[in-house]
Amino acid sequence: MIKEEGNKGGGVMTMEKSIETTPEQSDINKILAWLKNEKNTDKYGNGFYNNKNIIIDSFKSGKTITLKYENENIGLITWSDDDILVNIDIFVIHPDYRRMGFGEYFYRTVSNYFKTKGFKAIKLFCAPKMSEKFWKKMGLVKLYNCGYTEPELTYYDVLVEVASIMDISKSDKIELWDVEPYQATEKPPQWTWFIEICEDKLKLPIVHPCNCNWNLCWSRNGVVIKEEKVKYFTRKEYELFRSKFLYIEELKI
């Protein structure tokens, strides 16, 4: 449980918000109840109650997180993970508590929780479409087209501090093209990072959406150390392509 206490409206009434990373069945039942009511009152029958089975399965696999306010269950996240990446499948706040800051608190707290668990990025699909504005406000950016099938409104957020995109004197340079090596001579790199290395480990990692066939180049003082497809860049035990992201925390070629 992660708790936060404070004053409500600047008065003396105490409010308490808590994040439950291991909710109980009774918590899920209460959330399903208000999701069902929301669906029944929507003229089109929309709402996350239509994903009831996903919610139940996520709870059984230990992949649900709830938000409580004054001991009431007002928020739910279901999620899955893939190596360094967290996929948020459902993110919903009780209708009576929307546009009151609870969604932002929920996301900020949960993303920090995932960071403490060692995850490097979060990915999600904006549903409904109107939620896109909220996710942009949270700092998420639209997933770059990496040549894989992803819904148009897929967004992501990097959870850790990453290598600089600003030139650092005498630092090594990593460049990534959004094309294969044979095409890379025809255009400049799409992304560039300046890295500081100590005993093969980067001071700050690189985390970025990627295609395993894209061209990657590592250079020092203008001299190329290695240039190759991402998937062939290092020995297998130092795989750089993980969860459809370029993830570099150390370089051993």
C-alpha atoms as a PDB file:
ATOM      1  CA  MET A   1       0.000   0.000   0.000  1.00  0.00           C
ATOM      2  CA  ILE A   2       1.194   3.500  -0.889  1.00  0.00           C
ATOM      3  CA  LYS A   3      -0.515   6.286   1.050  1.00  0.00           C
ATOM      4  CA  GLU A   4      -0.777  10.051   0.816  1.00  0.00           C
ATOM      5  CA  GLU A   5      -2.521  12.298   3.303  1.00  0.00           C
ATOM      6  CA  GLY A   6      -3.402  15.966   3.144  1.00  0.00           C
ATOM      7  CA  ASN A   7      -6.093  18.592   3.628  1.00  0.00           C
ATOM      8  CA  LYS A   8      -9.225  18.689   1.532  1.00  0.00           C
ATOM      9  CA  GLY A   9      -9.964  22.078  -0.019  1.00  0.00           C
ATOM     10  CA  GLY A  10      -7.561  23.781   2.387  1.00  0.00           C
ATOM     11  CA  GLY A  11      -9.863  22.965   5.311  1.00  0.00           C
ATOM     12  CA  VAL A  12      -9.437  20.714   8.287  1.00  0.00           C
ATOM     13  CA  MET A  13     -11.020  17.590   6.809  1.00  0.00           C
ATOM     14  CA  THR A  14      -8.361  14.911   6.311  1.00  0.00           C
ATOM     15  CA  MET A  15      -8.261  13.105   3.016  1.00  0.00           C
ATOM     16  CA  GLU A  16      -6.364   9.939   2.392  1.00  0.00           C
ATOM     17  CA  LYS A  17      -5.420   8.424  -0.947  1.00  0.00           C
ATOM     18  CA  SER A  18      -3.825   5.018  -1.180  1.00  0.00           C
ATOM     19  CA  ILE A  19      -2.559   2.809  -3.961  1.00  0.00           C
ATOM     20  CA  GLU A  20      -3.162  -0.901  -3.472  1.00  0.00           C
ATOM     21  CA  THR A  21      -0.700  -2.986  -5.452  1.00  0.00           C
ATOM     22  CA  THR A  22      -2.227  -6.208  -4.113  1.00  0.00           C
ATOM     23  CA  PRO A  23      -5.973  -5.488  -3.918  1.00  0.00           C
ATOM     24  CA  GLU A  24      -8.445  -8.000  -2.531  1.00  0.00           C
ATOM     25  CA  GLN A  25     -11.361  -9.634  -4.318  1.00  0.00           C
ATOM     26  CA  SER A  26     -13.776  -7.320  -2.477  1.00  0.00           C
ATOM     27  CA  ASP A  27     -11.973  -4.286  -3.962  1.00  0.00           C
ATOM     28  CA  ILE A  28     -12.351  -5.650  -7.482  1.00  0.00           C
ATOM     29  CA  ASN A  29     -16.016  -6.483  -6.887  1.00  0.00           C
ATOM     30  CA  LYS A  30     -16.727  -2.900  -5.824  1.00  0.00           C
ATOM     31  CA  ILE A  31     -14.967  -1.517  -8.878  1.00  0.00           C
ATOM     32  CA  LEU A  32     -16.853  -3.886 -11.183  1.00  0.00           C
ATOM     33  CA  ALA A  33     -20.093  -2.690  -9.586  1.00  0.00           C
ATOM     34  CA  TRP A  34     -19.551   0.964 -10.481  1.00  0.00           C
ATOM     35  CA  LEU A  35     -18.167   0.058 -13.883  1.00  0.00           C
ATOM     36  CA  LYS A  36     -21.361  -1.912 -14.546  1.00  0.00           C
ATOM     37  CA  ASN A  37     -23.483   1.035 -13.417  1.00  0.00           C
ATOM     38  CA  GLU A  38     -21.529   3.355 -15.713  1.00  0.00           C
ATOM     39  CA  LYS A  39     -22.099   1.009 -18.651  1.00  0.00           C
ATOM     40  CA  ASN A  40     -25.818   0.753 -17.907  1.00  0.00           C
ATOM     41  CA  THR A  41     -26.235   4.535 -17.760  1.00  0.00           C
ATOM     42  CA  ASP A  42     -24.317   5.173 -20.994  1.00  0.00           C
ATOM     43  CA  LYS A  43     -26.712   5.402 -23.923  1.00  0.00           C
ATOM     44  CA  TYR A  44     -24.313   3.396 -26.087  1.00  0.00           C
ATOM     45  CA  GLY A  45     -23.385   0.892 -23.382  1.00  0.00           C
ATOM     46  CA  ASN A  46     -19.731   1.907 -23.492  1.00  0.00           C
ATOM     47  CA  GLY A  47     -17.285   1.612 -20.630  1.00  0.00           C
ATOM     48  CA  PHE A  48     -14.624  -0.666 -19.198  1.00  0.00           C
ATOM     49  CA  TYR A  49     -17.191  -3.091 -17.774  1.00  0.00           C
ATOM     50  CA  ASN A  50     -17.126  -4.599 -21.258  1.00  0.00           C
ATOM     51  CA  ASN A  51     -13.590  -5.710 -20.316  1.00  0.00           C
ATOM     52  CA  LYS A  52     -14.774  -7.534 -17.197  1.00  0.00           C
ATOM     53  CA  ASN A  53     -12.988 -10.746 -18.136  1.00  0.00           C
ATOM     54  CA  ILE A  54      -9.691  -8.893 -18.619  1.00  0.00           C
ATOM     55  CA  ILE A  55     -10.084  -7.318 -15.193  1.00  0.00           C
ATOM     56  CA  ILE A  56     -10.815 -10.664 -13.550  1.00  0.00           C
ATOM     57  CA  ASP A  57      -7.931 -12.417 -15.304  1.00  0.00           C
ATOM     58  CA  SER A  58      -5.543  -9.579 -14.417  1.00  0.00           C
ATOM     59  CA  PHE A  59      -6.584  -9.792 -10.773  1.00  0.00           C
ATOM     60  CA  LYS A  60      -5.976 -13.554 -10.723  1.00  0.00           C
ATOM     61  CA  SER A  61      -2.493 -13.046 -12.161  1.00  0.00           C
ATOM     62  CA  GLY A  62      -1.615 -10.280  -9.692  1.00  0.00           C
ATOM     63  CA  LYS A  63      -1.623  -7.546 -12.326  1.00  0.00           C
ATOM     64  CA  THR A  64      -4.145  -5.073 -10.925  1.00  0.00           C
ATOM     65  CA  ILE A  65      -3.605  -1.895  -8.925  1.00  0.00           C
ATOM     66  CA  THR A  66      -6.397   0.087  -7.296  1.00  0.00           C
ATOM     67  CA  LEU A  67      -6.773   3.643  -6.054  1.00  0.00           C
ATOM     68  CA  LYS A  68      -8.668   4.304  -2.837  1.00  0.00           C
ATOM     69  CA  TYR A  69      -9.929   7.628  -1.542  1.00  0.00           C
ATOM     70  CA  GLU A  70     -11.352   7.785   1.965  1.00  0.00           C
ATOM     71  CA  ASN A  71     -11.406   3.966   1.798  1.00  0.00           C
ATOM     72  CA  GLU A  72     -13.552   3.926  -1.356  1.00  0.00           C
ATOM     73  CA  ASN A  73     -12.283   2.156  -4.474  1.00  0.00           C
ATOM     74  CA  ILE A  74     -12.225   4.895  -7.118  1.00  0.00           C
ATOM     75  CA  GLY A  75      -9.562   3.794  -9.595  1.00  0.00           C
ATOM     76  CA  LEU A  76      -8.218   0.723 -11.362  1.00  0.00           C
ATOM     77  CA  ILE A  77      -5.204  -0.207 -13.471  1.00  0.00           C
ATOM     78  CA  THR A  78      -4.686  -3.574 -15.111  1.00  0.00           C
ATOM     79  CA  TRP A  79      -1.293  -4.238 -16.612  1.00  0.00           C
ATOM     80  CA  SER A  80       1.042  -6.777 -18.133  1.00  0.00           C
ATOM     81  CA  ASP A  81       4.804  -6.766 -18.490  1.00  0.00           C
ATOM     82  CA  ASP A  82       7.333  -7.682 -21.136  1.00  0.00           C
ATOM     83  CA  ASP A  83      10.930  -7.591 -19.918  1.00  0.00           C
ATOM     84  CA  ILE A  84      11.702  -3.865 -19.438  1.00  0.00           C
ATOM     85  CA  LEU A  85       8.223  -2.697 -20.474  1.00  0.00           C
ATOM     86  CA  VAL A  86       4.909  -2.294 -18.639  1.00  0.00           C
ATOM     87  CA  ASN A  87       1.761  -2.392 -20.779  1.00  0.00           C
ATOM     88  CA  ILE A  88      -1.198  -0.632 -19.171  1.00  0.00           C
ATOM     89  CA  ASP A  89      -4.317  -2.357 -20.468  1.00  0.00           C
ATOM     90  CA  ILE A  90      -6.991  -0.511 -18.457  1.00  0.00           C
ATOM     91  CA  PHE A  91      -6.757   2.799 -16.607  1.00  0.00           C
ATOM     92  CA  VAL A  92     -10.037   4.116 -15.208  1.00  0.00           C
ATOM     93  CA  ILE A  93     -11.265   6.493 -12.506  1.00  0.00           C
ATOM     94  CA  HIS A  94     -14.762   6.438 -10.998  1.00  0.00           C
ATOM     95  CA  PRO A  95     -17.024   8.891 -12.920  1.00  0.00           C
ATOM     96  CA  ASP A  96     -17.681  10.950  -9.774  1.00  0.00           C
ATOM     97  CA  TYR A  97     -13.957  11.594  -9.263  1.00  0.00           C
ATOM     98  CA  ARG A  98     -12.826  12.522 -12.759  1.00  0.00           C
ATOM     99  CA  ARG A  99     -11.258  15.904 -13.568  1.00  0.00           C
ATOM    100  CA  MET A 100     -10.313  16.297  -9.898  1.00  0.00           C
ATOM    101  CA  GLY A 101      -6.641  15.346 -10.080  1.00  0.00           C
ATOM    102  CA  PHE A 102      -7.060  11.734  -9.032  1.00  0.00           C
ATOM    103  CA  GLY A 103      -6.053  10.390 -12.437  1.00  0.00           C
ATOM    104  CA  GLU A 104      -2.799  12.328 -12.392  1.00  0.00           C
ATOM    105  CA  TYR A 105      -2.020  11.240  -8.838  1.00  0.00           C
ATOM    106  CA  PHE A 106      -2.801   7.624  -9.743  1.00  0.00           C
ATOM    107  CA  TYR A 107      -0.566   7.615 -12.799  1.00  0.00           C
ATOM    108  CA  ARG A 108       2.342   9.458 -11.169  1.00  0.00           C
ATOM    109  CA  THR A 109       2.323   7.146  -8.158  1.00  0.00           C
ATOM    110  CA  VAL A 110       1.961   3.947 -10.147  1.00  0.00           C
ATOM    111  CA  SER A 111       4.634   4.897 -12.691  1.00  0.00           C
ATOM    112  CA  ASN A 112       7.035   5.516  -9.796  1.00  0.00           C
ATOM    113  CA  TYR A 113       6.070   2.124  -8.365  1.00  0.00           C
ATOM    114  CA  PHE A 114       6.882   0.441 -11.685  1.00  0.00           C
ATOM    115  CA  LYS A 115      10.200   2.270 -11.751  1.00  0.00           C
ATOM    116  CA  THR A 116      11.106   0.846  -8.330  1.00  0.00           C
ATOM    117  CA  LYS A 117      10.351  -2.600  -9.756  1.00  0.00           C
ATOM    118  CA  GLY A 118      13.004  -2.112 -12.426  1.00  0.00           C
ATOM    119  CA  PHE A 119      10.838  -1.364 -15.448  1.00  0.00           C
ATOM    120  CA  LYS A 120      12.186   1.194 -17.915  1.00  0.00           C
ATOM    121  CA  ALA A 121       9.107   2.250 -19.919  1.00  0.00           C
ATOM    122  CA  ILE A 122       5.316   2.248 -19.971  1.00  0.00           C
ATOM    123  CA  LYS A 123       3.155   1.754 -23.046  1.00  0.00           C
ATOM    124  CA  LEU A 124      -0.609   2.072 -23.479  1.00  0.00           C
ATOM    125  CA  PHE A 125      -3.389   2.593 -25.993  1.00  0.00           C
ATOM    126  CA  CYS A 126      -5.557   5.696 -25.552  1.00  0.00           C
ATOM    127  CA  ALA A 127      -9.079   4.384 -25.047  1.00  0.00           C
ATOM    128  CA  PRO A 128     -11.412   6.137 -25.291  1.00  0.00           C
ATOM    129  CA  LYS A 129      -9.833   8.519 -27.802  1.00  0.00           C
ATOM    130  CA  MET A 130     -10.695  11.514 -25.611  1.00  0.00           C
ATOM    131  CA  SER A 131      -8.151  10.241 -23.074  1.00  0.00           C
ATOM    132  CA  GLU A 132      -5.339  11.209 -25.467  1.00  0.00           C
ATOM    133  CA  LYS A 133      -5.296  14.738 -24.020  1.00  0.00           C
ATOM    134  CA  PHE A 134      -4.834  13.374 -20.509  1.00  0.00           C
ATOM    135  CA  TRP A 135      -1.928  11.131 -21.495  1.00  0.00           C
ATOM    136  CA  LYS A 136      -0.165  13.948 -23.301  1.00  0.00           C
ATOM    137  CA  LYS A 137      -0.516  16.010 -20.127  1.00  0.00           C
ATOM    138  CA  MET A 138       1.115  13.153 -18.205  1.00  0.00           C
ATOM    139  CA  GLY A 139       4.122  13.460 -20.506  1.00  0.00           C
ATOM    140  CA  LEU A 140       3.534  10.416 -22.685  1.00  0.00           C
ATOM    141  CA  VAL A 141       4.389  10.694 -26.364  1.00  0.00           C
ATOM    142  CA  LYS A 142       2.977   8.955 -29.399  1.00  0.00           C
ATOM    143  CA  LEU A 143       4.834   5.776 -30.291  1.00  0.00           C
ATOM    144  CA  TYR A 144       7.048   6.244 -33.331  1.00  0.00           C
ATOM    145  CA  ASN A 145       6.167   4.007 -36.277  1.00  0.00           C
ATOM    146  CA  CYS A 146       8.759   1.263 -35.948  1.00  0.00           C
ATOM    147  CA  GLY A 147       7.282  -0.966 -38.628  1.00  0.00           C
ATOM    148  CA  TYR A 148       5.348  -3.150 -36.206  1.00  0.00           C
ATOM    149  CA  THR A 149       1.577  -3.376 -35.965  1.00  0.00           C
ATOM    150  CA  GLU A 150       0.496  -0.979 -33.218  1.00  0.00           C
ATOM    151  CA  PRO A 151      -2.795   0.918 -32.837  1.00  0.00           C
ATOM    152  CA  GLU A 152      -2.566   4.532 -33.974  1.00  0.00           C
ATOM    153  CA  LEU A 153      -3.154   5.970 -30.510  1.00  0.00           C
ATOM    154  CA  THR A 154      -0.381   4.035 -28.775  1.00  0.00           C
ATOM    155  CA  TYR A 155       1.632   6.202 -26.382  1.00  0.00           C
ATOM    156  CA  TYR A 156       4.635   5.549 -24.171  1.00  0.00           C
ATOM    157  CA  ASP A 157       6.612   7.042 -21.298  1.00  0.00           C
ATOM    158  CA  VAL A 158      10.226   6.389 -20.285  1.00  0.00           C
ATOM    159  CA  LEU A 159      10.523   5.864 -16.529  1.00  0.00           C
ATOM    160  CA  VAL A 160      14.240   6.474 -16.064  1.00  0.00           C
ATOM    161  CA  GLU A 161      16.652   9.303 -16.732  1.00  0.00           C
ATOM    162  CA  VAL A 162      18.315   8.636 -20.077  1.00  0.00           C
ATOM    163  CA  ALA A 163      21.462   9.628 -21.990  1.00  0.00           C
ATOM    164  CA  SER A 164      21.714  13.201 -23.215  1.00  0.00           C
ATOM    165  CA  ILE A 165      20.582  14.300 -26.658  1.00  0.00           C
ATOM    166  CA  MET A 166      22.643  17.481 -26.161  1.00  0.00           C
ATOM    167  CA  ASP A 167      26.281  17.380 -27.255  1.00  0.00           C
ATOM    168  CA  ILE A 168      28.650  16.536 -24.401  1.00  0.00           C
ATOM    169  CA  SER A 169      32.302  17.316 -25.060  1.00  0.00           C
ATOM    170  CA  LYS A 170      34.544  14.272 -25.554  1.00  0.00           C
ATOM    171  CA  SER A 171      31.669  11.855 -25.048  1.00  0.00           C
ATOM    172  CA  ASP A 172      30.931   8.819 -27.190  1.00  0.00           C
ATOM    173  CA  LYS A 173      28.034   9.078 -29.601  1.00  0.00           C
ATOM    174  CA  ILE A 174      25.228   6.653 -30.401  1.00  0.00           C
ATOM    175  CA  GLU A 175      23.234   7.262 -33.586  1.00  0.00           C
ATOM    176  CA  LEU A 176      20.078   5.461 -34.681  1.00  0.00           C
ATOM    177  CA  TRP A 177      18.525   5.491 -38.135  1.00  0.00           C
ATOM    178  CA  ASP A 178      14.921   4.476 -38.817  1.00  0.00           C
ATOM    179  CA  VAL A 179      16.102   2.460 -41.827  1.00  0.00           C
ATOM    180  CA  GLU A 180      18.287  -0.568 -42.463  1.00  0.00           C
ATOM    181  CA  PRO A 181      22.087  -0.170 -42.877  1.00  0.00           C
ATOM    182  CA  TYR A 182      22.047  -0.242 -46.666  1.00  0.00           C
ATOM    183  CA  GLN A 183      19.721   2.789 -46.616  1.00  0.00           C
ATOM    184  CA  ALA A 184      21.521   4.709 -43.846  1.00  0.00           C
ATOM    185  CA  THR A 185      24.035   6.331 -46.205  1.00  0.00           C
ATOM    186  CA  GLU A 186      21.209   8.211 -47.895  1.00  0.00           C
ATOM    187  CA  LYS A 187      19.994  10.122 -44.825  1.00  0.00           C
ATOM    188  CA  PRO A 188      21.209  11.458 -41.470  1.00  0.00           C
ATOM    189  CA  PRO A 189      20.452   9.584 -38.240  1.00  0.00           C
ATOM    190  CA  GLN A 190      16.975  10.080 -36.831  1.00  0.00           C
ATOM    191  CA  TRP A 191      18.188  10.123 -33.208  1.00  0.00           C
ATOM    192  CA  THR A 192      21.519  10.855 -31.520  1.00  0.00           C
ATOM    193  CA  TRP A 193      22.649  10.370 -27.918  1.00  0.00           C
ATOM    194  CA  PHE A 194      25.884  11.405 -26.221  1.00  0.00           C
ATOM    195  CA  ILE A 195      26.974   8.775 -23.729  1.00  0.00           C
ATOM    196  CA  GLU A 196      29.452   8.545 -20.888  1.00  0.00           C
ATOM    197  CA  ILE A 197      30.914   5.070 -20.336  1.00  0.00           C
ATOM    198  CA  CYS A 198      32.779   3.603 -17.400  1.00  0.00           C
ATOM    199  CA  GLU A 199      33.925  -0.040 -17.619  1.00  0.00           C
ATOM    200  CA  ASP A 200      31.462  -0.775 -20.438  1.00  0.00           C
ATOM    201  CA  LYS A 201      28.483   0.623 -18.500  1.00  0.00           C
ATOM    202  CA  LEU A 202      26.638   3.777 -19.517  1.00  0.00           C
ATOM    203  CA  LYS A 203      26.254   6.466 -16.878  1.00  0.00           C
ATOM    204  CA  LEU A 204      22.697   6.877 -18.157  1.00  0.00           C
ATOM    205  CA  PRO A 205      20.933   4.328 -20.390  1.00  0.00           C
ATOM    206  CA  ILE A 206      19.226   4.735 -23.757  1.00  0.00           C
ATOM    207  CA  VAL A 207      15.562   3.694 -23.922  1.00  0.00           C
ATOM    208  CA  HIS A 208      13.748   4.284 -27.192  1.00  0.00           C
ATOM    209  CA  PRO A 209      11.191   2.592 -29.493  1.00  0.00           C
ATOM    210  CA  CYS A 210      13.043   0.756 -32.220  1.00  0.00           C
ATOM    211  CA  ASN A 211      13.021  -1.815 -34.994  1.00  0.00           C
ATOM    212  CA  CYS A 212      15.581  -4.581 -34.637  1.00  0.00           C
ATOM    213  CA  ASN A 213      16.668  -4.102 -38.273  1.00  0.00           C
ATOM    214  CA  TRP A 214      17.443  -0.397 -38.008  1.00  0.00           C
ATOM    215  CA  ASN A 215      20.993   0.888 -38.347  1.00  0.00           C
ATOM    216  CA  LEU A 216      22.907   1.690 -35.154  1.00  0.00           C
ATOM    217  CA  CYS A 217      26.304   3.400 -34.955  1.00  0.00           C
ATOM    218  CA  TRP A 218      28.686   3.895 -32.031  1.00  0.00           C
ATOM    219  CA  SER A 219      31.495   6.390 -32.547  1.00  0.00           C
ATOM    220  CA  ARG A 220      34.187   8.157 -30.529  1.00  0.00           C
ATOM    221  CA  ASN A 221      35.790  11.451 -31.584  1.00  0.00           C
ATOM    222  CA  GLY A 222      34.419  10.966 -35.090  1.00  0.00           C
ATOM    223  CA  VAL A 223      35.799   7.425 -35.434  1.00  0.00           C
ATOM    224  CA  VAL A 224      33.254   4.642 -35.857  1.00  0.00           C
ATOM    225  CA  ILE A 225      33.691   1.858 -33.305  1.00  0.00           C
ATOM    226  CA  LYS A 226      30.858  -0.257 -34.688  1.00  0.00           C
ATOM    227  CA  GLU A 227      27.932   0.121 -37.097  1.00  0.00           C
ATOM    228  CA  GLU A 228      25.372  -2.642 -37.599  1.00  0.00           C
ATOM    229  CA  LYS A 229      21.738  -3.625 -37.377  1.00  0.00           C
ATOM    230  CA  VAL A 230      20.431  -3.301 -33.824  1.00  0.00           C
ATOM    231  CA  LYS A 231      19.848  -7.051 -33.526  1.00  0.00           C
ATOM    232  CA  TYR A 232      23.419  -7.868 -34.527  1.00  0.00           C
ATOM    233  CA  PHE A 233      25.180  -5.057 -32.681  1.00  0.00           C
ATOM    234  CA  THR A 234      26.345  -6.952 -29.577  1.00  0.00           C
ATOM    235  CA  ARG A 235      26.734 -10.504 -28.376  1.00  0.00           C
ATOM    236  CA  LYS A 236      23.435 -12.190 -27.549  1.00  0.00           C
ATOM    237  CA  GLU A 237      23.966 -11.931 -23.786  1.00  0.00           C
ATOM    238  CA  TYR A 238      24.018  -8.144 -24.194  1.00  0.00           C
ATOM    239  CA  GLU A 239      20.864  -7.923 -26.317  1.00  0.00           C
ATOM    240  CA  LEU A 240      20.022  -4.303 -27.174  1.00  0.00           C
ATOM    241  CA  PHE A 241      16.551  -4.938 -28.638  1.00  0.00           C
ATOM    242  CA  ARG A 242      14.101  -5.607 -25.824  1.00  0.00           C
ATOM    243  CA  SER A 243      10.325  -5.238 -25.733  1.00  0.00           C
ATOM    244  CA  LYS A 244      10.505  -3.515 -29.170  1.00  0.00           C
ATOM    245  CA  PHE A 245      12.729  -0.849 -27.610  1.00  0.00           C
ATOM    246  CA  LEU A 246      16.389  -0.033 -28.022  1.00  0.00           C
ATOM    247  CA  TYR A 247      17.740  -0.477 -24.502  1.00  0.00           C
ATOM    248  CA  ILE A 248      21.430   0.178 -23.905  1.00  0.00           C
ATOM    249  CA  GLU A 249      22.836   0.092 -20.400  1.00  0.00           C
ATOM    250  CA  GLU A 250      26.212  -1.369 -21.324  1.00  0.00           C
ATOM    251  CA  LEU A 251      28.196  -1.811 -24.525  1.00  0.00           C
ATOM    252  CA  LYS A 252      30.237  -4.937 -25.153  1.00  0.00           C
ATOM    253  CA  ILE A 253      30.856  -5.795 -28.765  1.00  0.00           C
END
